Amino acid sequence: MIKVTVPKSIASQFEQLAKITQRSESSLIHEALSRYLDSEAWQVLEITQALNEANAGDFASASEVSALFNRLGKPAS
């Protein structure tokens, strides 16, 4: 179990949202934390994969970039 102390302004927001949505503050906090953790995990994974590709020298060639711009209808600079 984790115990967290939050500023009164955040606690108040959870209280208000709980009343409006007729849900418990606990369920709202659980959902908020789950969404945050999912988002952070996704970002860390994507960044790690991008760094691994960059470290391996896996970059798009100039012709691949030009082809993408042409496909999107925008001239490459």
C-alpha atoms as a PDB file:
ATOM      1  CA  MET A   1       0.000   0.000   0.000  1.00  0.00           C
ATOM      2  CA  ILE A   2       1.188   3.501  -0.836  1.00  0.00           C
ATOM      3  CA  LYS A   3       0.095   6.552   1.101  1.00  0.00           C
ATOM      4  CA  VAL A   4       0.220   9.928  -0.618  1.00  0.00           C
ATOM      5  CA  THR A   5      -0.376  13.415   0.689  1.00  0.00           C
ATOM      6  CA  VAL A   6      -1.665  15.863  -1.914  1.00  0.00           C
ATOM      7  CA  PRO A   7      -2.179  19.613  -1.748  1.00  0.00           C
ATOM      8  CA  LYS A   8      -5.629  20.735  -0.646  1.00  0.00           C
ATOM      9  CA  SER A   9      -6.326  22.135  -4.116  1.00  0.00           C
ATOM     10  CA  ILE A  10      -5.890  18.700  -5.710  1.00  0.00           C
ATOM     11  CA  ALA A  11      -7.887  16.976  -2.966  1.00  0.00           C
ATOM     12  CA  SER A  12     -10.642  19.502  -3.529  1.00  0.00           C
ATOM     13  CA  GLN A  13     -10.669  18.774  -7.256  1.00  0.00           C
ATOM     14  CA  PHE A  14     -11.032  15.054  -6.569  1.00  0.00           C
ATOM     15  CA  GLU A  15     -13.838  15.754  -4.095  1.00  0.00           C
ATOM     16  CA  GLN A  16     -15.717  17.899  -6.592  1.00  0.00           C
ATOM     17  CA  LEU A  17     -15.260  15.426  -9.432  1.00  0.00           C
ATOM     18  CA  ALA A  18     -16.374  12.554  -7.198  1.00  0.00           C
ATOM     19  CA  LYS A  19     -19.583  14.398  -6.382  1.00  0.00           C
ATOM     20  CA  ILE A  20     -20.273  15.334 -10.005  1.00  0.00           C
ATOM     21  CA  THR A  21     -19.576  11.846 -11.369  1.00  0.00           C
ATOM     22  CA  GLN A  22     -21.042   9.997  -8.378  1.00  0.00           C
ATOM     23  CA  ARG A  23     -17.875   7.978  -8.060  1.00  0.00           C
ATOM     24  CA  SER A  24     -15.592   7.528  -5.094  1.00  0.00           C
ATOM     25  CA  GLU A  25     -12.487   9.653  -4.737  1.00  0.00           C
ATOM     26  CA  SER A  26     -10.526   6.429  -4.438  1.00  0.00           C
ATOM     27  CA  SER A  27     -11.707   5.151  -7.826  1.00  0.00           C
ATOM     28  CA  LEU A  28     -10.909   8.495  -9.462  1.00  0.00           C
ATOM     29  CA  ILE A  29      -7.429   8.531  -7.953  1.00  0.00           C
ATOM     30  CA  HIS A  30      -6.876   4.920  -9.035  1.00  0.00           C
ATOM     31  CA  GLU A  31      -7.933   5.762 -12.594  1.00  0.00           C
ATOM     32  CA  ALA A  32      -5.764   8.895 -12.693  1.00  0.00           C
ATOM     33  CA  LEU A  33      -2.703   7.007 -11.483  1.00  0.00           C
ATOM     34  CA  SER A  34      -3.301   4.142 -13.909  1.00  0.00           C
ATOM     35  CA  ARG A  35      -3.589   6.536 -16.859  1.00  0.00           C
ATOM     36  CA  TYR A  36      -0.455   8.398 -15.781  1.00  0.00           C
ATOM     37  CA  LEU A  37       1.561   5.198 -15.398  1.00  0.00           C
ATOM     38  CA  ASP A  38       0.366   3.858 -18.769  1.00  0.00           C
ATOM     39  CA  SER A  39       1.327   7.125 -20.462  1.00  0.00           C
ATOM     40  CA  GLU A  40       4.746   7.310 -18.817  1.00  0.00           C
ATOM     41  CA  ALA A  41       5.522   3.663 -19.582  1.00  0.00           C
ATOM     42  CA  TRP A  42       4.574   4.176 -23.247  1.00  0.00           C
ATOM     43  CA  GLN A  43       6.757   7.291 -23.508  1.00  0.00           C
ATOM     44  CA  VAL A  44       9.748   5.618 -21.872  1.00  0.00           C
ATOM     45  CA  LEU A  45       9.405   2.606 -24.181  1.00  0.00           C
ATOM     46  CA  GLU A  46       9.183   4.801 -27.304  1.00  0.00           C
ATOM     47  CA  ILE A  47      12.159   6.917 -26.235  1.00  0.00           C
ATOM     48  CA  THR A  48      14.218   3.831 -25.424  1.00  0.00           C
ATOM     49  CA  GLN A  49      13.435   2.287 -28.819  1.00  0.00           C
ATOM     50  CA  ALA A  50      14.289   5.552 -30.609  1.00  0.00           C
ATOM     51  CA  LEU A  51      17.598   5.832 -28.752  1.00  0.00           C
ATOM     52  CA  ASN A  52      18.456   2.230 -29.587  1.00  0.00           C
ATOM     53  CA  GLU A  53      17.729   2.902 -33.270  1.00  0.00           C
ATOM     54  CA  ALA A  54      19.776   6.102 -33.208  1.00  0.00           C
ATOM     55  CA  ASN A  55      22.688   4.387 -31.453  1.00  0.00           C
ATOM     56  CA  ALA A  56      22.567   1.662 -34.117  1.00  0.00           C
ATOM     57  CA  GLY A  57      22.717   4.333 -36.840  1.00  0.00           C
ATOM     58  CA  ASP A  58      19.232   3.474 -38.058  1.00  0.00           C
ATOM     59  CA  PHE A  59      18.217   6.788 -39.625  1.00  0.00           C
ATOM     60  CA  ALA A  60      16.030   7.576 -42.626  1.00  0.00           C
ATOM     61  CA  SER A  61      18.003   8.294 -45.780  1.00  0.00           C
ATOM     62  CA  ALA A  62      17.582  11.559 -47.671  1.00  0.00           C
ATOM     63  CA  SER A  63      15.607   9.741 -50.368  1.00  0.00           C
ATOM     64  CA  GLU A  64      13.275   8.167 -47.777  1.00  0.00           C
ATOM     65  CA  VAL A  65      12.621  11.590 -46.264  1.00  0.00           C
ATOM     66  CA  SER A  66      11.977  13.101 -49.705  1.00  0.00           C
ATOM     67  CA  ALA A  67       9.621  10.250 -50.588  1.00  0.00           C
ATOM     68  CA  LEU A  68       7.670  10.827 -47.383  1.00  0.00           C
ATOM     69  CA  PHE A  69       7.357  14.554 -48.060  1.00  0.00           C
ATOM     70  CA  ASN A  70       6.262  13.869 -51.628  1.00  0.00           C
ATOM     71  CA  ARG A  71       3.659  11.364 -50.417  1.00  0.00           C
ATOM     72  CA  LEU A  72       2.347  13.981 -47.970  1.00  0.00           C
ATOM     73  CA  GLY A  73       2.242  16.555 -50.747  1.00  0.00           C
ATOM     74  CA  LYS A  74       4.823  18.825 -49.170  1.00  0.00           C
ATOM     75  CA  PRO A  75       8.138  19.672 -50.826  1.00  0.00           C
ATOM     76  CA  ALA A  76      11.211  18.747 -48.798  1.00  0.00           C
ATOM     77  CA  SER A  77      13.334  21.751 -47.838  1.00  0.00           C
END
